[in-house]
Amino acid sequence: MSARGKARRRALDILFEAEARRLSPLDVLAERVERADPPVNEYTSFLVEGAVRHIDRIDELISTYSEGWTLERMPAVDRNVLRGGTYEMLWSDEVPEGVVISEWVHLAAELSTDESPQFVNGLLARFKQLKPSLSL
């Protein structure tokens, strides 16, 4: 797994853990940075901080474009994969959009349900298509 792939995985772990523990993802990130076992990659911090900064807009987009699924009804892993992937897709130009989709779909395939990769792929691909018209 690439360094950025590992960073995405750690960001997902932090977002998921924060939700499960009902804590701020920034507090969980700070705990992980302080513990430094293993050290937190700079890109992990970038993804978590960005997702938190734009969480209201991200959740609004996910809710608007996920057909038949509310945020509350989605598996927690999918919800947080989509939060990280949506942030990276819409607010970061560091990685090609196709790579962003592929990497987050891979995490969904590895960690969630059999249907999750297709769901995540469809939603992130839709955001890629709509990106020029979305007011961010």
N, C-alpha and C. Protein backbone atom coordinates (compact mmCIF):
# COMPACT_ATOMS: atom_id res chain seq x y z
N MET A 1 0.85 -1.18 0.00
CA MET A 1 0.00 0.00 0.00
C MET A 1 0.90 1.24 0.00
N SER A 2 0.53 2.23 -0.80
CA SER A 2 1.31 3.46 -0.90
C SER A 2 1.20 4.27 0.38
N ALA A 3 2.09 5.26 0.53
CA ALA A 3 2.06 6.12 1.71
C ALA A 3 0.73 6.85 1.80
N ARG A 4 0.23 7.35 0.67
CA ARG A 4 -1.06 8.04 0.69
C ARG A 4 -2.20 7.06 0.96
N GLY A 5 -2.08 5.83 0.46
CA GLY A 5 -3.09 4.82 0.75
C GLY A 5 -3.16 4.54 2.25
N LYS A 6 -1.99 4.44 2.89
CA LYS A 6 -1.95 4.24 4.34
C LYS A 6 -2.51 5.46 5.06
N ALA A 7 -2.23 6.64 4.55
CA ALA A 7 -2.75 7.87 5.16
C ALA A 7 -4.28 7.90 5.08
N ARG A 8 -4.82 7.49 3.95
CA ARG A 8 -6.29 7.43 3.82
C ARG A 8 -6.88 6.43 4.82
N ARG A 9 -6.25 5.30 4.94
CA ARG A 9 -6.72 4.27 5.88
C ARG A 9 -6.71 4.80 7.31
N ARG A 10 -5.64 5.48 7.69
CA ARG A 10 -5.56 6.05 9.04
C ARG A 10 -6.61 7.14 9.23
N ALA A 11 -6.82 7.97 8.20
CA ALA A 11 -7.84 9.02 8.29
C ALA A 11 -9.22 8.38 8.49
N LEU A 12 -9.50 7.33 7.74
CA LEU A 12 -10.77 6.62 7.91
C LEU A 12 -10.88 6.06 9.31
N ASP A 13 -9.82 5.46 9.82
CA ASP A 13 -9.83 4.92 11.18
C ASP A 13 -10.17 6.01 12.20
N ILE A 14 -9.58 7.18 12.02
CA ILE A 14 -9.80 8.28 12.95
C ILE A 14 -11.24 8.79 12.86
N LEU A 15 -11.73 8.98 11.64
CA LEU A 15 -13.11 9.45 11.47
C LEU A 15 -14.11 8.45 12.05
N PHE A 16 -13.87 7.17 11.79
CA PHE A 16 -14.75 6.11 12.30
C PHE A 16 -14.70 6.04 13.83
N GLU A 17 -13.50 6.04 14.38
CA GLU A 17 -13.33 5.96 15.83
C GLU A 17 -13.99 7.15 16.52
N ALA A 18 -13.81 8.33 15.96
CA ALA A 18 -14.40 9.53 16.56
C ALA A 18 -15.92 9.41 16.61
N GLU A 19 -16.50 8.93 15.52
CA GLU A 19 -17.96 8.77 15.51
C GLU A 19 -18.39 7.72 16.53
N ALA A 20 -17.69 6.61 16.58
CA ALA A 20 -18.05 5.53 17.51
C ALA A 20 -17.92 5.97 18.97
N ARG A 21 -16.92 6.79 19.24
CA ARG A 21 -16.69 7.25 20.61
C ARG A 21 -17.41 8.57 20.92
N ARG A 22 -18.10 9.09 19.93
CA ARG A 22 -18.81 10.37 20.05
C ARG A 22 -17.87 11.50 20.48
N LEU A 23 -16.71 11.53 19.81
CA LEU A 23 -15.71 12.56 20.04
C LEU A 23 -15.49 13.35 18.75
N SER A 24 -14.85 14.47 18.88
CA SER A 24 -14.45 15.22 17.69
C SER A 24 -13.32 14.47 16.99
N PRO A 25 -13.38 14.35 15.67
CA PRO A 25 -12.27 13.73 14.95
C PRO A 25 -10.94 14.46 15.21
N LEU A 26 -11.01 15.76 15.47
CA LEU A 26 -9.78 16.51 15.76
C LEU A 26 -9.17 16.09 17.09
N ASP A 27 -10.02 15.73 18.06
CA ASP A 27 -9.51 15.24 19.34
C ASP A 27 -8.87 13.86 19.18
N VAL A 28 -9.50 13.00 18.41
CA VAL A 28 -8.93 11.67 18.16
C VAL A 28 -7.62 11.81 17.38
N LEU A 29 -7.60 12.70 16.41
CA LEU A 29 -6.37 12.95 15.65
C LEU A 29 -5.27 13.43 16.59
N ALA A 30 -5.59 14.36 17.48
CA ALA A 30 -4.59 14.87 18.43
C ALA A 30 -4.06 13.74 19.33
N GLU A 31 -4.95 12.84 19.77
CA GLU A 31 -4.51 11.69 20.57
C GLU A 31 -3.52 10.84 19.79
N ARG A 32 -3.85 10.58 18.53
CA ARG A 32 -2.98 9.75 17.69
C ARG A 32 -1.64 10.43 17.43
N VAL A 33 -1.66 11.72 17.19
CA VAL A 33 -0.42 12.46 16.95
C VAL A 33 0.46 12.43 18.21
N GLU A 34 -0.16 12.64 19.37
CA GLU A 34 0.59 12.63 20.63
C GLU A 34 1.18 11.26 20.92
N ARG A 35 0.39 10.22 20.69
CA ARG A 35 0.84 8.85 20.93
C ARG A 35 1.94 8.46 19.97
N ALA A 36 1.81 8.88 18.73
CA ALA A 36 2.82 8.65 17.67
C ALA A 36 3.22 7.18 17.53
N ASP A 37 2.29 6.27 17.77
CA ASP A 37 2.59 4.85 17.63
C ASP A 37 1.47 4.16 16.86
N PRO A 38 1.57 4.11 15.57
CA PRO A 38 2.63 4.63 14.69
C PRO A 38 2.45 6.12 14.45
N PRO A 39 3.50 6.78 13.95
CA PRO A 39 3.42 8.21 13.68
C PRO A 39 2.30 8.52 12.68
N VAL A 40 1.69 9.67 12.85
CA VAL A 40 0.60 10.09 11.97
C VAL A 40 1.19 10.83 10.77
N ASN A 41 0.89 10.31 9.60
CA ASN A 41 1.34 10.90 8.35
C ASN A 41 0.70 12.27 8.16
N GLU A 42 1.43 13.20 7.57
CA GLU A 42 0.91 14.55 7.32
C GLU A 42 -0.35 14.53 6.47
N TYR A 43 -0.42 13.60 5.52
CA TYR A 43 -1.61 13.52 4.66
C TYR A 43 -2.83 13.03 5.44
N THR A 44 -2.62 12.20 6.44
CA THR A 44 -3.72 11.79 7.31
C THR A 44 -4.32 13.01 8.00
N SER A 45 -3.47 13.84 8.56
CA SER A 45 -3.95 15.07 9.22
C SER A 45 -4.67 15.96 8.24
N PHE A 46 -4.13 16.11 7.04
CA PHE A 46 -4.75 16.92 5.99
C PHE A 46 -6.17 16.43 5.71
N LEU A 47 -6.35 15.12 5.57
CA LEU A 47 -7.66 14.56 5.24
C LEU A 47 -8.66 14.72 6.39
N VAL A 48 -8.23 14.42 7.61
CA VAL A 48 -9.13 14.53 8.76
C VAL A 48 -9.52 15.98 9.00
N GLU A 49 -8.53 16.87 9.02
CA GLU A 49 -8.82 18.28 9.26
C GLU A 49 -9.72 18.86 8.17
N GLY A 50 -9.48 18.48 6.93
CA GLY A 50 -10.30 18.97 5.83
C GLY A 50 -11.73 18.46 5.89
N ALA A 51 -11.87 17.18 6.19
CA ALA A 51 -13.22 16.59 6.30
C ALA A 51 -14.00 17.27 7.42
N VAL A 52 -13.33 17.54 8.53
CA VAL A 52 -13.99 18.20 9.65
C VAL A 52 -14.37 19.64 9.27
N ARG A 53 -13.46 20.34 8.62
CA ARG A 53 -13.71 21.73 8.23
C ARG A 53 -14.92 21.86 7.31
N HIS A 54 -15.14 20.86 6.46
CA HIS A 54 -16.22 20.92 5.47
C HIS A 54 -17.35 19.92 5.75
N ILE A 55 -17.43 19.39 6.98
CA ILE A 55 -18.35 18.30 7.28
C ILE A 55 -19.80 18.63 6.97
N ASP A 56 -20.24 19.84 7.25
CA ASP A 56 -21.65 20.17 6.99
C ASP A 56 -21.97 20.09 5.50
N ARG A 57 -21.11 20.66 4.68
CA ARG A 57 -21.33 20.62 3.23
C ARG A 57 -21.18 19.19 2.70
N ILE A 58 -20.20 18.46 3.20
CA ILE A 58 -19.99 17.07 2.78
C ILE A 58 -21.23 16.23 3.09
N ASP A 59 -21.73 16.33 4.32
CA ASP A 59 -22.90 15.55 4.70
C ASP A 59 -24.13 15.97 3.89
N GLU A 60 -24.24 17.25 3.59
CA GLU A 60 -25.35 17.72 2.76
C GLU A 60 -25.28 17.10 1.36
N LEU A 61 -24.09 17.07 0.78
CA LEU A 61 -23.92 16.48 -0.56
C LEU A 61 -24.21 14.98 -0.55
N ILE A 62 -23.67 14.29 0.44
CA ILE A 62 -23.91 12.85 0.54
C ILE A 62 -25.40 12.58 0.69
N SER A 63 -26.07 13.33 1.54
CA SER A 63 -27.51 13.15 1.76
C SER A 63 -28.31 13.45 0.50
N THR A 64 -27.91 14.49 -0.22
CA THR A 64 -28.63 14.90 -1.42
C THR A 64 -28.50 13.88 -2.55
N TYR A 65 -27.30 13.32 -2.73
CA TYR A 65 -27.05 12.49 -3.91
C TYR A 65 -27.06 10.99 -3.65
N SER A 66 -27.19 10.56 -2.42
CA SER A 66 -27.28 9.12 -2.17
C SER A 66 -28.75 8.73 -2.23
N GLU A 67 -29.10 8.06 -3.28
CA GLU A 67 -30.50 7.72 -3.53
C GLU A 67 -30.97 6.60 -2.60
N GLY A 68 -32.02 6.89 -1.85
CA GLY A 68 -32.61 5.87 -0.99
C GLY A 68 -31.88 5.63 0.31
N TRP A 69 -30.84 6.41 0.60
CA TRP A 69 -30.08 6.20 1.84
C TRP A 69 -29.93 7.52 2.59
N THR A 70 -30.27 7.51 3.85
CA THR A 70 -29.96 8.66 4.70
C THR A 70 -28.59 8.41 5.32
N LEU A 71 -27.97 9.45 5.79
CA LEU A 71 -26.67 9.30 6.46
C LEU A 71 -26.78 8.33 7.64
N GLU A 72 -27.86 8.44 8.40
CA GLU A 72 -28.02 7.61 9.59
C GLU A 72 -28.19 6.13 9.24
N ARG A 73 -28.73 5.87 8.06
CA ARG A 73 -29.01 4.49 7.67
C ARG A 73 -27.80 3.79 7.04
N MET A 74 -26.83 4.57 6.59
CA MET A 74 -25.63 4.00 5.96
C MET A 74 -24.77 3.31 7.01
N PRO A 75 -24.06 2.26 6.61
CA PRO A 75 -23.06 1.71 7.53
C PRO A 75 -22.06 2.80 7.90
N ALA A 76 -21.62 2.81 9.14
CA ALA A 76 -20.70 3.85 9.62
C ALA A 76 -19.42 3.90 8.79
N VAL A 77 -18.93 2.75 8.37
CA VAL A 77 -17.71 2.74 7.54
C VAL A 77 -17.98 3.48 6.24
N ASP A 78 -19.09 3.18 5.59
CA ASP A 78 -19.42 3.84 4.32
C ASP A 78 -19.56 5.34 4.49
N ARG A 79 -20.22 5.74 5.54
CA ARG A 79 -20.43 7.16 5.81
C ARG A 79 -19.09 7.89 5.93
N ASN A 80 -18.15 7.27 6.62
CA ASN A 80 -16.86 7.91 6.83
C ASN A 80 -15.92 7.76 5.63
N VAL A 81 -16.05 6.69 4.88
CA VAL A 81 -15.33 6.58 3.60
C VAL A 81 -15.78 7.71 2.69
N LEU A 82 -17.09 7.92 2.62
CA LEU A 82 -17.62 8.98 1.77
C LEU A 82 -17.21 10.36 2.25
N ARG A 83 -17.13 10.56 3.53
CA ARG A 83 -16.68 11.87 4.06
C ARG A 83 -15.23 12.14 3.64
N GLY A 84 -14.37 11.17 3.86
CA GLY A 84 -12.97 11.35 3.46
C GLY A 84 -12.81 11.48 1.96
N GLY A 85 -13.49 10.61 1.22
CA GLY A 85 -13.38 10.64 -0.24
C GLY A 85 -13.97 11.89 -0.85
N THR A 86 -15.08 12.36 -0.30
CA THR A 86 -15.70 13.57 -0.82
C THR A 86 -14.81 14.77 -0.56
N TYR A 87 -14.23 14.85 0.63
CA TYR A 87 -13.30 15.95 0.89
C TYR A 87 -12.14 15.93 -0.10
N GLU A 88 -11.52 14.76 -0.24
CA GLU A 88 -10.34 14.68 -1.12
C GLU A 88 -10.73 14.96 -2.57
N MET A 89 -11.90 14.50 -3.00
CA MET A 89 -12.36 14.71 -4.37
C MET A 89 -12.62 16.19 -4.66
N LEU A 90 -13.30 16.86 -3.75
CA LEU A 90 -13.79 18.20 -4.04
C LEU A 90 -12.88 19.34 -3.58
N TRP A 91 -12.07 19.13 -2.57
CA TRP A 91 -11.28 20.23 -2.03
C TRP A 91 -9.78 20.05 -2.18
N SER A 92 -9.34 18.97 -2.76
CA SER A 92 -7.90 18.75 -2.93
C SER A 92 -7.60 18.47 -4.40
N ASP A 93 -6.60 19.14 -4.90
CA ASP A 93 -6.18 18.91 -6.29
C ASP A 93 -4.86 18.16 -6.37
N GLU A 94 -4.41 17.61 -5.24
CA GLU A 94 -3.12 16.94 -5.19
C GLU A 94 -3.09 15.58 -5.87
N VAL A 95 -4.24 14.92 -5.94
CA VAL A 95 -4.32 13.55 -6.46
C VAL A 95 -5.36 13.52 -7.58
N PRO A 96 -5.07 12.84 -8.70
CA PRO A 96 -6.08 12.73 -9.76
C PRO A 96 -7.38 12.13 -9.24
N GLU A 97 -8.48 12.65 -9.75
CA GLU A 97 -9.80 12.24 -9.27
C GLU A 97 -10.04 10.74 -9.40
N GLY A 98 -9.58 10.12 -10.48
CA GLY A 98 -9.74 8.68 -10.65
C GLY A 98 -9.03 7.89 -9.58
N VAL A 99 -7.87 8.38 -9.16
CA VAL A 99 -7.12 7.71 -8.09
C VAL A 99 -7.86 7.86 -6.77
N VAL A 100 -8.40 9.04 -6.52
CA VAL A 100 -9.17 9.26 -5.29
C VAL A 100 -10.32 8.26 -5.21
N ILE A 101 -11.07 8.15 -6.29
CA ILE A 101 -12.20 7.21 -6.30
C ILE A 101 -11.72 5.80 -6.06
N SER A 102 -10.72 5.38 -6.79
CA SER A 102 -10.20 4.02 -6.67
C SER A 102 -9.73 3.69 -5.25
N GLU A 103 -9.02 4.60 -4.64
CA GLU A 103 -8.48 4.36 -3.30
C GLU A 103 -9.59 4.24 -2.24
N TRP A 104 -10.58 5.12 -2.30
CA TRP A 104 -11.65 5.07 -1.30
C TRP A 104 -12.58 3.88 -1.55
N VAL A 105 -12.79 3.52 -2.81
CA VAL A 105 -13.57 2.32 -3.13
C VAL A 105 -12.85 1.08 -2.60
N HIS A 106 -11.54 1.06 -2.73
CA HIS A 106 -10.75 -0.06 -2.21
C HIS A 106 -10.95 -0.21 -0.69
N LEU A 107 -10.94 0.92 0.02
CA LEU A 107 -11.17 0.86 1.47
C LEU A 107 -12.56 0.33 1.80
N ALA A 108 -13.55 0.77 1.04
CA ALA A 108 -14.91 0.27 1.25
C ALA A 108 -14.97 -1.23 1.00
N ALA A 109 -14.29 -1.70 -0.04
CA ALA A 109 -14.28 -3.13 -0.36
C ALA A 109 -13.61 -3.94 0.74
N GLU A 110 -12.57 -3.38 1.30
CA GLU A 110 -11.80 -4.07 2.33
C GLU A 110 -12.51 -4.10 3.68
N LEU A 111 -13.25 -3.03 3.99
CA LEU A 111 -13.73 -2.85 5.36
C LEU A 111 -15.24 -2.88 5.54
N SER A 112 -16.01 -2.87 4.46
CA SER A 112 -17.46 -2.75 4.63
C SER A 112 -18.19 -3.89 3.92
N THR A 113 -19.42 -3.66 3.55
CA THR A 113 -20.28 -4.70 2.99
C THR A 113 -19.95 -4.98 1.53
N ASP A 114 -20.53 -6.04 1.00
CA ASP A 114 -20.31 -6.39 -0.41
C ASP A 114 -20.86 -5.33 -1.36
N GLU A 115 -21.89 -4.62 -0.95
CA GLU A 115 -22.50 -3.59 -1.79
C GLU A 115 -21.79 -2.25 -1.68
N SER A 116 -20.99 -2.08 -0.67
CA SER A 116 -20.37 -0.78 -0.39
C SER A 116 -19.47 -0.24 -1.50
N PRO A 117 -18.61 -1.06 -2.11
CA PRO A 117 -17.75 -0.50 -3.15
C PRO A 117 -18.53 0.13 -4.30
N GLN A 118 -19.58 -0.53 -4.73
CA GLN A 118 -20.39 0.00 -5.83
C GLN A 118 -21.07 1.31 -5.41
N PHE A 119 -21.58 1.36 -4.19
CA PHE A 119 -22.24 2.55 -3.66
C PHE A 119 -21.26 3.72 -3.59
N VAL A 120 -20.09 3.48 -2.99
CA VAL A 120 -19.07 4.53 -2.85
C VAL A 120 -18.60 4.99 -4.23
N ASN A 121 -18.36 4.04 -5.11
CA ASN A 121 -17.91 4.38 -6.46
C ASN A 121 -18.93 5.27 -7.17
N GLY A 122 -20.19 4.90 -7.08
CA GLY A 122 -21.23 5.66 -7.76
C GLY A 122 -21.34 7.08 -7.23
N LEU A 123 -21.27 7.23 -5.92
CA LEU A 123 -21.42 8.56 -5.33
C LEU A 123 -20.20 9.44 -5.61
N LEU A 124 -19.00 8.89 -5.44
CA LEU A 124 -17.80 9.69 -5.71
C LEU A 124 -17.68 10.03 -7.20
N ALA A 125 -18.08 9.11 -8.07
CA ALA A 125 -18.07 9.40 -9.51
C ALA A 125 -19.06 10.52 -9.84
N ARG A 126 -20.18 10.52 -9.16
CA ARG A 126 -21.17 11.60 -9.36
C ARG A 126 -20.60 12.93 -8.91
N PHE A 127 -19.90 12.96 -7.79
CA PHE A 127 -19.28 14.20 -7.31
C PHE A 127 -18.19 14.67 -8.28
N LYS A 128 -17.46 13.74 -8.85
CA LYS A 128 -16.45 14.10 -9.85
C LYS A 128 -17.14 14.79 -11.03
N GLN A 129 -18.24 14.22 -11.48
CA GLN A 129 -18.98 14.76 -12.62
C GLN A 129 -19.55 16.14 -12.29
N LEU A 130 -20.06 16.31 -11.08
CA LEU A 130 -20.71 17.56 -10.68
C LEU A 130 -19.75 18.62 -10.16
N LYS A 131 -18.51 18.25 -9.91
CA LYS A 131 -17.55 19.14 -9.25
C LYS A 131 -17.54 20.56 -9.83
N PRO A 132 -17.52 20.72 -11.15
CA PRO A 132 -17.49 22.09 -11.67
C PRO A 132 -18.73 22.93 -11.31
N SER A 133 -19.86 22.28 -11.09
CA SER A 133 -21.09 23.01 -10.82
C SER A 133 -21.45 23.14 -9.35
N LEU A 134 -20.71 22.43 -8.49
CA LEU A 134 -21.01 22.51 -7.06
C LEU A 134 -20.40 23.78 -6.48
N SER A 135 -21.17 24.49 -5.71
CA SER A 135 -20.62 25.68 -5.05
C SER A 135 -19.99 25.25 -3.75
N LEU A 136 -18.68 25.32 -3.70
CA LEU A 136 -17.96 24.88 -2.53
C LEU A 136 -17.49 26.10 -1.81
